[in-house]
N, C-alpha and C. Protein backbone atom coordinates (compact mmCIF):
# COMPACT_ATOMS: atom_id res chain seq x y z
N MET A 1 29.39 13.33 -29.35
CA MET A 1 29.11 13.41 -27.73
C MET A 1 27.83 14.45 -27.72
N ALA A 2 26.86 13.76 -27.27
CA ALA A 2 25.55 14.16 -27.51
C ALA A 2 25.55 14.98 -25.76
N ASP A 3 25.14 16.10 -25.84
CA ASP A 3 25.25 17.18 -24.49
C ASP A 3 24.30 16.38 -23.69
N SER A 4 24.63 15.79 -22.42
CA SER A 4 24.20 15.96 -21.55
C SER A 4 23.30 16.40 -20.80
N VAL A 5 22.23 16.47 -20.09
CA VAL A 5 21.27 17.14 -19.15
C VAL A 5 21.18 16.56 -17.77
N PRO A 6 21.94 17.28 -17.03
CA PRO A 6 21.93 16.44 -15.84
C PRO A 6 20.58 16.72 -15.33
N MET A 7 20.30 16.10 -14.15
CA MET A 7 19.38 15.29 -13.83
C MET A 7 18.84 16.34 -12.72
N ASP A 8 17.71 17.05 -12.67
CA ASP A 8 16.97 18.01 -11.99
C ASP A 8 16.84 16.91 -10.32
N ALA A 9 17.73 17.02 -9.22
CA ALA A 9 17.58 15.94 -8.08
C ALA A 9 16.39 16.05 -7.34
N SER A 10 15.81 17.67 -7.33
CA SER A 10 14.42 17.77 -6.72
C SER A 10 13.66 16.80 -7.57
N ARG A 11 13.08 17.08 -8.81
CA ARG A 11 12.34 16.03 -10.01
C ARG A 11 12.44 14.59 -9.48
N LEU A 12 13.84 14.14 -9.33
CA LEU A 12 14.38 12.64 -9.18
C LEU A 12 13.50 12.62 -8.05
N LEU A 13 13.73 13.17 -6.97
CA LEU A 13 13.27 12.45 -5.52
C LEU A 13 11.89 12.78 -5.58
N ASP A 14 11.19 13.61 -6.20
CA ASP A 14 9.74 13.70 -6.29
C ASP A 14 9.06 12.42 -6.57
N PHE A 15 9.97 12.58 -7.88
CA PHE A 15 9.24 11.17 -8.27
C PHE A 15 9.60 9.84 -7.79
N LEU A 16 10.54 9.49 -6.82
CA LEU A 16 11.22 8.48 -6.44
C LEU A 16 9.82 8.09 -4.62
N THR A 17 10.16 9.34 -4.34
CA THR A 17 9.20 9.35 -3.03
C THR A 17 8.21 10.31 -2.74
N ASP A 18 7.44 10.10 -1.83
CA ASP A 18 6.26 11.06 -1.18
C ASP A 18 6.69 12.20 -0.35
N ASP A 19 6.42 13.17 -1.03
CA ASP A 19 7.21 14.63 -0.22
C ASP A 19 6.96 14.29 1.52
N GLU A 20 6.05 14.04 1.70
CA GLU A 20 4.98 14.18 2.29
C GLU A 20 5.26 12.90 3.70
N THR A 21 5.50 11.90 3.36
CA THR A 21 5.78 10.21 4.43
C THR A 21 7.65 9.64 3.88
N SER A 22 8.31 10.39 2.97
CA SER A 22 9.19 9.45 2.44
C SER A 22 8.88 7.90 2.34
N LEU A 23 7.42 7.54 1.87
CA LEU A 23 7.30 6.83 1.38
C LEU A 23 7.73 6.53 0.12
N LEU A 24 7.83 5.14 -0.74
CA LEU A 24 7.62 5.26 -2.32
C LEU A 24 6.93 6.20 -2.64
N GLY A 25 7.04 7.19 -3.67
CA GLY A 25 6.33 8.10 -4.38
C GLY A 25 5.18 6.91 -5.31
N GLU A 26 4.17 7.24 -5.83
CA GLU A 26 3.29 6.77 -6.58
C GLU A 26 3.78 6.30 -8.01
N GLY A 27 4.66 7.00 -8.49
CA GLY A 27 5.05 6.53 -9.80
C GLY A 27 6.10 6.17 -9.78
N TYR A 28 6.81 5.56 -9.14
CA TYR A 28 8.05 4.78 -9.13
C TYR A 28 7.65 3.68 -8.36
N PHE A 29 6.80 3.55 -7.06
CA PHE A 29 6.02 2.39 -6.72
C PHE A 29 5.63 1.57 -8.39
N SER A 30 4.45 2.11 -8.71
CA SER A 30 4.13 1.92 -10.26
C SER A 30 5.32 1.30 -10.88
N LEU A 31 6.57 1.70 -11.10
CA LEU A 31 7.17 0.82 -11.50
C LEU A 31 7.95 -0.21 -11.03
N ARG A 32 8.11 -0.42 -10.03
CA ARG A 32 8.38 -1.51 -8.98
C ARG A 32 7.31 -2.53 -9.05
N PHE A 33 5.62 -1.93 -8.82
CA PHE A 33 5.10 -2.95 -8.65
C PHE A 33 4.70 -4.04 -10.26
N GLU A 34 5.33 -3.24 -11.44
CA GLU A 34 5.42 -4.42 -12.26
C GLU A 34 6.46 -4.90 -12.99
N GLU A 35 7.52 -4.71 -12.58
CA GLU A 35 8.80 -5.08 -12.59
C GLU A 35 8.53 -6.75 -11.03
N GLU A 36 8.10 -6.26 -10.15
CA GLU A 36 7.62 -7.72 -8.82
C GLU A 36 6.78 -8.67 -9.68
N PHE A 37 5.88 -7.81 -10.23
CA PHE A 37 4.63 -8.57 -10.61
C PHE A 37 4.90 -9.64 -12.15
N LYS A 38 6.06 -9.08 -12.70
CA LYS A 38 6.47 -9.43 -14.11
C LYS A 38 7.28 -11.17 -13.63
N LYS A 39 8.43 -10.50 -12.79
CA LYS A 39 8.99 -11.93 -12.00
C LYS A 39 8.09 -13.00 -11.46
N SER A 40 6.83 -12.51 -10.66
CA SER A 40 6.34 -13.70 -9.99
C SER A 40 5.52 -14.27 -10.73
N TRP A 41 4.77 -13.78 -11.92
CA TRP A 41 4.35 -14.65 -13.22
C TRP A 41 5.14 -15.55 -13.55
N ARG A 42 6.16 -14.56 -13.75
CA ARG A 42 7.05 -15.87 -14.81
C ARG A 42 7.64 -17.08 -14.10
N TYR A 43 8.02 -16.65 -12.94
CA TYR A 43 8.63 -17.67 -12.24
C TYR A 43 8.06 -18.57 -10.85
N GLY A 44 6.45 -17.81 -10.78
CA GLY A 44 5.42 -18.71 -10.04
C GLY A 44 5.44 -18.72 -9.00
N TRP A 45 6.14 -17.25 -8.45
CA TRP A 45 6.46 -17.09 -6.93
C TRP A 45 5.40 -16.55 -6.70
N SER A 46 4.98 -16.86 -5.10
CA SER A 46 4.26 -16.09 -4.40
C SER A 46 4.51 -14.31 -4.37
N TYR A 47 3.18 -13.77 -3.94
CA TYR A 47 3.48 -12.52 -4.53
C TYR A 47 2.40 -12.04 -3.81
N SER A 48 2.43 -10.71 -3.25
CA SER A 48 0.85 -9.74 -2.34
C SER A 48 0.91 -8.65 -2.91
N LEU A 49 -0.08 -7.99 -2.95
CA LEU A 49 -0.46 -6.72 -2.56
C LEU A 49 -1.66 -6.64 -2.24
N LEU A 50 -1.13 -5.10 -1.27
CA LEU A 50 -1.79 -4.85 -0.12
C LEU A 50 -1.98 -3.18 -0.22
N LEU A 51 -3.89 -3.07 -0.09
CA LEU A 51 -3.92 -1.47 -0.52
C LEU A 51 -4.58 -1.37 1.24
N ILE A 52 -4.32 -0.64 1.65
CA ILE A 52 -4.82 -0.20 3.08
C ILE A 52 -5.56 1.71 2.79
N ALA A 53 -6.80 1.47 3.45
CA ALA A 53 -7.11 2.47 3.25
C ALA A 53 -7.75 3.06 5.05
N VAL A 54 -6.82 4.50 4.98
CA VAL A 54 -7.49 5.11 6.31
C VAL A 54 -8.66 5.63 6.48
N ASP A 55 -9.71 5.47 6.94
CA ASP A 55 -10.51 6.41 7.11
C ASP A 55 -10.95 7.30 8.63
N GLY A 56 -10.97 8.55 8.15
CA GLY A 56 -11.09 9.17 9.62
C GLY A 56 -10.34 10.41 9.80
N LEU A 57 -9.17 10.33 8.99
CA LEU A 57 -8.49 11.40 8.43
C LEU A 57 -9.31 13.22 8.59
N ASP A 58 -10.32 13.08 7.01
CA ASP A 58 -10.95 13.91 7.09
C ASP A 58 -11.78 14.91 8.00
N GLU A 59 -11.86 14.15 9.02
CA GLU A 59 -12.47 14.53 10.34
C GLU A 59 -11.38 15.29 11.19
N LEU A 60 -9.97 14.80 11.02
CA LEU A 60 -9.18 14.73 12.03
C LEU A 60 -8.96 16.39 11.58
N ALA A 61 -8.42 16.53 10.11
CA ALA A 61 -8.06 17.55 9.65
C ALA A 61 -9.34 18.73 9.88
N GLU A 62 -10.62 18.42 10.19
CA GLU A 62 -11.58 19.94 10.43
C GLU A 62 -11.59 20.02 11.90
N LYS A 63 -11.17 18.64 12.92
CA LYS A 63 -11.08 19.25 14.10
C LYS A 63 -9.98 19.66 14.41
N GLU A 64 -8.55 19.28 14.11
CA GLU A 64 -7.26 19.70 14.65
C GLU A 64 -6.82 20.18 13.26
N GLY A 65 -7.19 20.16 12.75
CA GLY A 65 -6.29 21.01 11.22
C GLY A 65 -4.98 19.94 10.61
N ASP A 66 -4.28 20.70 9.27
CA ASP A 66 -3.83 20.27 8.54
C ASP A 66 -2.55 19.43 9.38
N LEU A 67 -1.75 20.35 10.18
CA LEU A 67 -1.04 19.78 10.84
C LEU A 67 -0.95 18.71 11.40
N ALA A 68 -2.35 18.41 12.38
CA ALA A 68 -2.75 16.94 12.83
C ALA A 68 -2.93 15.64 11.54
N VAL A 69 -3.29 16.46 10.67
CA VAL A 69 -3.30 15.04 9.47
C VAL A 69 -2.06 14.77 9.34
N SER A 70 -0.95 15.61 8.98
CA SER A 70 0.62 15.31 8.50
C SER A 70 1.27 14.55 9.57
N SER A 71 0.99 14.65 10.78
CA SER A 71 1.31 13.87 12.07
C SER A 71 0.93 12.88 11.91
N ALA A 72 -0.22 12.60 11.31
CA ALA A 72 -0.78 11.03 11.42
C ALA A 72 -0.66 9.79 10.35
N TYR A 73 0.08 10.90 8.43
CA TYR A 73 0.42 10.53 8.67
C TYR A 73 2.12 9.68 8.66
N LEU A 74 3.02 10.34 9.29
CA LEU A 74 3.85 9.83 9.72
C LEU A 74 3.90 8.89 10.76
N ASP A 75 3.03 8.97 11.53
CA ASP A 75 2.76 8.12 12.50
C ASP A 75 2.24 6.53 11.60
N ILE A 76 1.19 6.37 10.50
CA ILE A 76 1.03 5.49 10.04
C ILE A 76 1.86 4.67 9.45
N CYS A 77 2.81 5.80 8.64
CA CYS A 77 3.82 5.39 7.62
C CYS A 77 4.89 4.33 8.69
N GLY A 78 5.33 5.42 10.05
CA GLY A 78 6.26 4.64 11.15
C GLY A 78 5.73 3.41 10.96
N GLN A 79 4.37 2.96 11.58
CA GLN A 79 3.70 1.46 11.81
C GLN A 79 3.62 0.47 10.41
N ILE A 80 3.78 0.84 9.45
CA ILE A 80 3.87 0.61 8.50
C ILE A 80 5.50 0.09 8.23
N LEU A 81 6.00 0.85 8.00
CA LEU A 81 7.73 0.58 7.70
C LEU A 81 8.00 -0.43 9.04
N SER A 82 7.58 -0.36 10.21
CA SER A 82 8.17 -1.20 11.15
C SER A 82 7.53 -2.75 10.90
N ALA A 83 6.43 -3.19 10.19
CA ALA A 83 6.26 -4.16 9.87
C ALA A 83 6.81 -4.44 9.11
N THR A 84 7.03 -3.93 7.82
CA THR A 84 7.53 -4.41 6.73
C THR A 84 9.46 -4.92 6.85
N ARG A 85 9.13 -6.08 5.79
CA ARG A 85 10.77 -6.16 5.50
C ARG A 85 11.80 -5.34 5.02
N ASP A 86 13.16 -5.53 4.57
CA ASP A 86 13.88 -4.83 4.22
C ASP A 86 13.21 -4.70 2.30
N THR A 87 12.60 -6.22 2.05
CA THR A 87 12.47 -6.61 0.32
C THR A 87 11.17 -6.18 -0.09
N ASP A 88 9.85 -5.33 0.89
CA ASP A 88 8.72 -5.52 0.85
C ASP A 88 8.97 -3.87 0.77
N LEU A 89 7.95 -3.28 -0.42
CA LEU A 89 7.59 -1.91 -1.13
C LEU A 89 6.32 -1.54 -0.02
N SER A 90 6.81 -0.06 0.63
CA SER A 90 5.84 0.89 0.97
C SER A 90 5.30 1.70 0.11
N ALA A 91 4.19 1.85 -0.22
CA ALA A 91 3.82 3.84 -0.78
C ALA A 91 2.90 4.31 -0.07
N ARG A 92 2.54 5.42 -0.21
CA ARG A 92 1.47 6.44 -0.36
C ARG A 92 0.98 6.39 -1.35
N LEU A 93 -0.43 6.09 -1.98
CA LEU A 93 -0.93 6.72 -2.95
C LEU A 93 -1.84 7.66 -3.09
N GLY A 94 -1.76 8.55 -1.96
CA GLY A 94 -2.72 9.62 -1.96
C GLY A 94 -3.58 9.72 -1.03
N GLY A 95 -3.87 11.03 0.13
CA GLY A 95 -4.82 11.10 1.08
C GLY A 95 -4.59 9.63 1.91
N GLY A 96 -5.15 9.06 3.07
CA GLY A 96 -4.80 8.42 3.32
C GLY A 96 -5.19 6.59 2.76
N SER A 97 -4.39 7.11 1.74
CA SER A 97 -4.20 5.52 0.82
C SER A 97 -3.31 4.82 0.68
N PHE A 98 -2.71 3.58 1.17
CA PHE A 98 -1.26 3.33 1.05
C PHE A 98 -1.44 1.66 0.12
N ALA A 99 -0.16 1.85 -0.06
CA ALA A 99 -0.12 0.29 -1.33
C ALA A 99 1.57 -0.35 -0.25
N ILE A 100 1.49 -1.91 -0.29
CA ILE A 100 2.88 -2.43 0.27
C ILE A 100 2.44 -3.64 -0.50
N LEU A 101 3.74 -4.29 -1.26
CA LEU A 101 4.26 -5.07 -2.49
C LEU A 101 4.89 -5.84 -1.28
N LEU A 102 4.55 -7.23 -1.51
CA LEU A 102 5.59 -8.24 -0.21
C LEU A 102 5.77 -9.57 -1.29
N PRO A 103 6.76 -9.33 -1.33
CA PRO A 103 7.75 -10.64 -2.56
C PRO A 103 7.47 -11.86 -2.08
N GLY A 104 7.39 -12.87 -2.59
CA GLY A 104 7.77 -14.33 -1.82
C GLY A 104 6.61 -14.16 -0.57
N THR A 105 5.26 -13.78 -0.68
CA THR A 105 4.35 -14.01 0.66
C THR A 105 3.11 -14.43 -0.04
N GLY A 106 2.65 -15.98 0.80
CA GLY A 106 1.54 -16.44 0.00
C GLY A 106 0.33 -15.99 1.17
N ALA A 107 -0.73 -16.83 0.87
CA ALA A 107 -1.98 -15.34 1.81
C ALA A 107 -1.87 -15.79 3.36
N SER A 108 -1.14 -17.08 3.83
CA SER A 108 -1.20 -17.04 5.56
C SER A 108 0.05 -16.00 5.76
N GLY A 109 1.37 -16.50 5.41
CA GLY A 109 2.20 -15.22 5.95
C GLY A 109 1.24 -13.31 5.77
N THR A 110 0.81 -13.26 4.29
CA THR A 110 0.34 -11.86 4.33
C THR A 110 -0.95 -11.58 5.47
N ARG A 111 -2.02 -12.87 5.81
CA ARG A 111 -2.91 -12.34 6.99
C ARG A 111 -2.05 -12.43 8.11
N ALA A 112 -0.97 -12.91 8.47
CA ALA A 112 -0.32 -12.45 9.79
C ALA A 112 0.14 -10.99 9.43
N PHE A 113 1.04 -10.64 8.62
CA PHE A 113 1.46 -9.29 8.13
C PHE A 113 0.33 -7.89 8.27
N VAL A 114 -1.10 -8.04 7.35
CA VAL A 114 -1.96 -7.31 7.63
C VAL A 114 -2.55 -7.57 9.41
N GLU A 115 -2.55 -8.41 10.30
CA GLU A 115 -2.97 -8.39 11.40
C GLU A 115 -2.25 -7.41 12.37
N ARG A 116 -0.54 -7.79 12.29
CA ARG A 116 0.02 -6.69 12.96
C ARG A 116 -0.30 -5.43 12.45
N VAL A 117 -0.23 -5.05 11.34
CA VAL A 117 -0.52 -3.11 10.65
C VAL A 117 -1.66 -2.81 11.34
N ILE A 118 -3.09 -3.91 11.44
CA ILE A 118 -4.42 -3.85 11.81
C ILE A 118 -4.02 -3.52 12.81
N THR A 119 -3.62 -4.03 13.86
CA THR A 119 -3.45 -3.73 15.58
C THR A 119 -2.67 -2.73 15.41
N ALA A 120 -1.00 -2.75 15.20
CA ALA A 120 -0.95 -1.08 15.41
C ALA A 120 -1.44 -0.32 14.89
N LEU A 121 -2.41 0.12 13.79
CA LEU A 121 -2.46 1.17 13.34
C LEU A 121 -4.24 1.31 14.41
N SER A 122 -4.98 0.37 15.13
CA SER A 122 -5.95 0.47 15.87
C SER A 122 -5.99 0.92 17.02
N GLU A 123 -4.65 0.65 17.33
CA GLU A 123 -4.39 1.04 19.01
C GLU A 123 -4.22 2.48 19.19
N GLY A 124 -3.54 3.00 20.89
CA GLY A 124 -3.56 3.77 21.32
C GLY A 124 -4.02 5.32 20.33
N ALA A 125 -3.57 5.98 19.87
CA ALA A 125 -3.50 7.25 19.18
C ALA A 125 -4.49 6.87 17.99
N PHE A 126 -4.34 5.60 17.22
CA PHE A 126 -5.02 4.78 15.93
C PHE A 126 -5.88 4.70 16.16
N GLY A 127 -6.86 4.69 17.65
CA GLY A 127 -8.03 4.63 17.69
C GLY A 127 -8.99 5.06 16.97
N ARG A 128 -8.25 6.58 16.52
CA ARG A 128 -9.73 7.20 15.89
C ARG A 128 -9.71 7.15 14.47
N TYR A 129 -8.64 5.92 13.91
CA TYR A 129 -9.10 5.56 12.47
C TYR A 129 -10.22 4.62 12.51
N ARG A 130 -10.41 4.00 11.14
CA ARG A 130 -10.74 2.94 10.28
C ARG A 130 -9.49 2.62 9.26
N VAL A 131 -9.28 1.50 9.84
CA VAL A 131 -8.32 0.54 8.77
C VAL A 131 -8.90 -0.65 7.82
N SER A 132 -8.76 -0.41 6.96
CA SER A 132 -9.32 -1.00 5.87
C SER A 132 -8.28 -1.71 5.49
N VAL A 133 -8.19 -3.10 4.78
CA VAL A 133 -7.36 -3.34 3.90
C VAL A 133 -7.36 -4.64 3.06
N GLY A 134 -7.25 -4.13 1.94
CA GLY A 134 -7.43 -5.04 0.93
C GLY A 134 -6.30 -5.77 0.07
N GLY A 135 -6.40 -6.96 -0.59
CA GLY A 135 -5.32 -7.88 -1.16
C GLY A 135 -5.20 -8.50 -2.10
N CYS A 136 -4.57 -9.39 -3.22
CA CYS A 136 -4.96 -9.81 -3.87
C CYS A 136 -3.21 -10.61 -3.70
N VAL A 137 -3.72 -12.12 -3.71
CA VAL A 137 -1.98 -12.92 -3.56
C VAL A 137 -1.60 -13.71 -4.84
N MET A 138 -0.45 -13.51 -5.06
CA MET A 138 -0.35 -14.40 -6.51
C MET A 138 0.01 -15.90 -6.45
N PRO A 139 0.06 -17.18 -6.94
CA PRO A 139 -0.59 -17.36 -7.80
C PRO A 139 -2.45 -17.40 -7.18
N ASP A 140 -2.47 -17.15 -6.31
CA ASP A 140 -4.08 -17.37 -5.79
C ASP A 140 -5.10 -17.19 -6.38
N VAL A 141 -4.81 -16.00 -7.58
CA VAL A 141 -5.50 -15.24 -8.01
C VAL A 141 -5.43 -15.35 -9.04
N ALA A 142 -5.83 -16.43 -10.27
CA ALA A 142 -5.11 -16.39 -11.53
C ALA A 142 -5.84 -14.78 -12.49
N VAL A 143 -4.29 -14.10 -12.43
CA VAL A 143 -4.12 -12.77 -13.57
C VAL A 143 -3.23 -12.71 -14.86
N LYS A 144 -3.88 -12.18 -15.87
CA LYS A 144 -2.95 -12.43 -16.71
C LYS A 144 -2.28 -10.84 -16.76
N SER A 145 -2.41 -9.85 -15.86
CA SER A 145 -1.57 -8.37 -15.74
C SER A 145 -1.41 -7.84 -14.55
N SER A 146 -1.01 -6.85 -14.45
CA SER A 146 -0.39 -5.84 -13.11
C SER A 146 -2.01 -5.41 -13.47
N ASP A 147 -1.93 -5.17 -14.46
CA ASP A 147 -3.74 -4.06 -14.14
C ASP A 147 -5.10 -4.76 -13.68
N GLU A 148 -4.89 -6.59 -14.01
CA GLU A 148 -6.02 -7.25 -13.36
C GLU A 148 -5.59 -7.15 -11.82
N PHE A 149 -4.40 -7.77 -11.50
CA PHE A 149 -3.64 -7.65 -9.83
C PHE A 149 -4.49 -6.35 -9.60
N MET A 150 -4.15 -5.35 -9.83
CA MET A 150 -4.48 -3.84 -8.78
C MET A 150 -5.88 -4.05 -8.98
N ALA A 151 -6.72 -4.03 -10.43
CA ALA A 151 -8.47 -4.08 -10.09
C ALA A 151 -8.92 -5.71 -8.83
N ALA A 152 -8.16 -6.48 -8.83
CA ALA A 152 -8.30 -7.61 -7.98
C ALA A 152 -7.83 -6.78 -6.69
N ALA A 153 -7.58 -6.36 -6.55
CA ALA A 153 -6.64 -5.47 -4.80
C ALA A 153 -7.48 -4.58 -4.83
N ARG A 154 -7.91 -4.05 -5.32
CA ARG A 154 -8.87 -2.76 -5.25
C ARG A 154 -10.33 -2.70 -4.63
N GLY A 155 -10.59 -3.99 -5.58
CA GLY A 155 -11.81 -4.92 -5.31
C GLY A 155 -11.78 -4.78 -4.07
N ALA A 156 -10.93 -5.70 -3.39
CA ALA A 156 -10.46 -6.47 -2.00
C ALA A 156 -10.78 -4.91 -0.54
N VAL A 157 -10.07 -3.93 -1.74
CA VAL A 157 -10.53 -3.08 -0.17
C VAL A 157 -11.81 -2.38 -0.16
N ASP A 158 -12.28 -2.14 -1.26
CA ASP A 158 -13.60 -1.75 -1.46
C ASP A 158 -14.72 -2.08 -0.91
N SER A 159 -13.92 -4.01 -0.97
CA SER A 159 -14.80 -4.68 -0.12
C SER A 159 -14.82 -4.43 1.98
N ALA A 160 -13.80 -4.41 1.69
CA ALA A 160 -12.92 -3.89 3.08
C ALA A 160 -13.21 -2.57 3.84
N ARG A 161 -13.57 -1.73 3.35
CA ARG A 161 -14.65 -0.79 3.24
C ARG A 161 -15.70 -0.42 3.60
N GLU A 162 -16.55 -1.49 2.86
CA GLU A 162 -17.47 -1.87 3.08
C GLU A 162 -18.53 -2.52 4.28
N ALA A 163 -17.71 -3.19 4.81
CA ALA A 163 -17.38 -4.39 5.68
C ALA A 163 -17.75 -2.92 7.12
N ALA A 164 -18.62 -3.64 8.21
CA ALA A 164 -18.86 -2.75 9.55
C ALA A 164 -17.61 -2.60 10.19
N ASP A 165 -16.68 -3.84 9.91
CA ASP A 165 -15.49 -3.55 11.49
C ASP A 165 -14.50 -2.95 10.66
N GLY A 166 -14.47 -2.47 9.21
CA GLY A 166 -12.98 -2.31 8.97
C GLY A 166 -11.54 -3.62 8.65
N ARG A 167 -11.88 -4.70 7.62
CA ARG A 167 -11.00 -5.88 7.77
C ARG A 167 -10.33 -5.88 6.83
N LEU A 168 -9.49 -7.29 7.19
CA LEU A 168 -8.97 -7.92 5.65
C LEU A 168 -10.25 -7.95 4.72
N VAL A 169 -9.63 -7.94 3.55
CA VAL A 169 -10.31 -9.10 2.46
C VAL A 169 -9.24 -9.02 1.45
N LEU A 170 -9.06 -10.75 0.98
CA LEU A 170 -7.82 -10.88 0.30
C LEU A 170 -9.05 -11.21 -0.92
N ALA A 171 -9.08 -11.03 -2.34
CA ALA A 171 -9.09 -11.57 -3.49
C ALA A 171 -8.87 -12.70 -4.06
N ASP A 172 -10.19 -13.81 -3.95
CA ASP A 172 -10.59 -14.31 -5.00
C ASP A 172 -10.64 -15.08 -6.53
N SER A 173 -10.98 -13.62 -6.83
CA SER A 173 -11.08 -13.53 -8.35
C SER A 173 -10.26 -12.03 -8.66
N VAL A 174 -10.50 -11.78 -10.42
CA VAL A 174 -10.72 -10.66 -10.72
C VAL A 174 -11.81 -10.41 -11.18
N PRO A 175 -11.84 -8.83 -10.55
CA PRO A 175 -13.79 -7.93 -10.62
C PRO A 175 -14.06 -7.81 -12.16
N ASP A 176 -15.04 -8.23 -12.43
CA ASP A 176 -15.68 -7.99 -13.92
C ASP A 176 -15.07 -6.70 -14.47
């Protein structure tokens, strides 16, 4: 029998979750994203990927320090988690970038979800942030891989960031 090496619990926790927010970690999110993409593609299920960019956090760090930014991350994550279902997957991708997978959700459900999140993040203390959301909905966008799906969502969030009002942009094609 081969010697088994015990898994270092802290390494596993670091892989599974983001240490600052307790949302899914980027590595684990990538694995789940690939798994959900394959299920959606195989069965033709609706599936949405949203990327959220929160601008204004650098200015907050300059004015109020790192503790204020950490508190902002927790506030933002709380709003994201309060809007998601148990079957949705939420992750922090680093800095002010977040991702949400919405299995079984088409374009109209995605728009309604985003409206709730943007409203929550734009009100009260969140008024100092500019929230831009880009997304992609399968099978509305014909993609052949999870990489193409992610690229379409990244293109959409970039378009949303370029808009003057910071809003939702859903990709309707895969960028060249």
